[in-house]
C-alpha cells in the first residue's frame, strides 16, 4: 500500500517540477509566446485550488484509492498534453490535468498515511514518503533536461511519465482498505 500511495505523489513531484523548470523552453518548442506559456500557471492555480477543496471534502466520502486513480488519470492527461502545448485543446487539457492533479496532492498526501497506516508510526512513514517526493522533485528537472539534450525534445520524457501514471493505476485500484485494527483519526 505504501508504494501505491508514494508512486503517484512522487511522479507528480518529478514531472511537475520538471515542467515548471522548463516551461519557457516547452512553450518555445511548441511555438508559443512567453506570455501565453507563462499564462498556464495562473489558470492551473485556479483549477488546483478548486480541486484541492473538492478532493479534501471527498476524502471523507469516497475511497482514497478512487481519488488516487483520478489524480493519476489527470496526471497522465496533463503530461501528454504538456508534450503538445501548441494545440489549444492540449494547452487547456494540460491546465486542467496538471491543475487537478496538483490539487489532489496535498489532501491525498495528508490523509492517506494515517488512513492506511494509523497514527502510531505516522512520523516514520510520512517522512519516508516525503523523502521519495523530494527525491522525485529533485531529479525531475534534470530528467527532462536530459530528455531534451539526448532526444531533442521533452516529449518522450513527458510520455514516459504519463505511462508511469497509467502503470500506477492498477496497484492503486487493487490496494486494500486499511485493516480493522488501524486507528483512523
Foldseek 3Di string as FASTA:
>chain_A
DLCLLLLLLQLLLQAVLQCVVCQQVLCVVLVHDPVLSVVLVVLLQVLLVVLLVVLLVCVVPDPLLVVLLLLLLLLLLLLQLSQNCNDVVSSVSVSNSSSNNNSSNVSSLVQVCCQAPNDPPSPVSSVVSVVSNVVSNVCNNVVQVVCCVPVVGSNVVSNVSSVSSVVSSVCSVPPDGHDPPHDHD
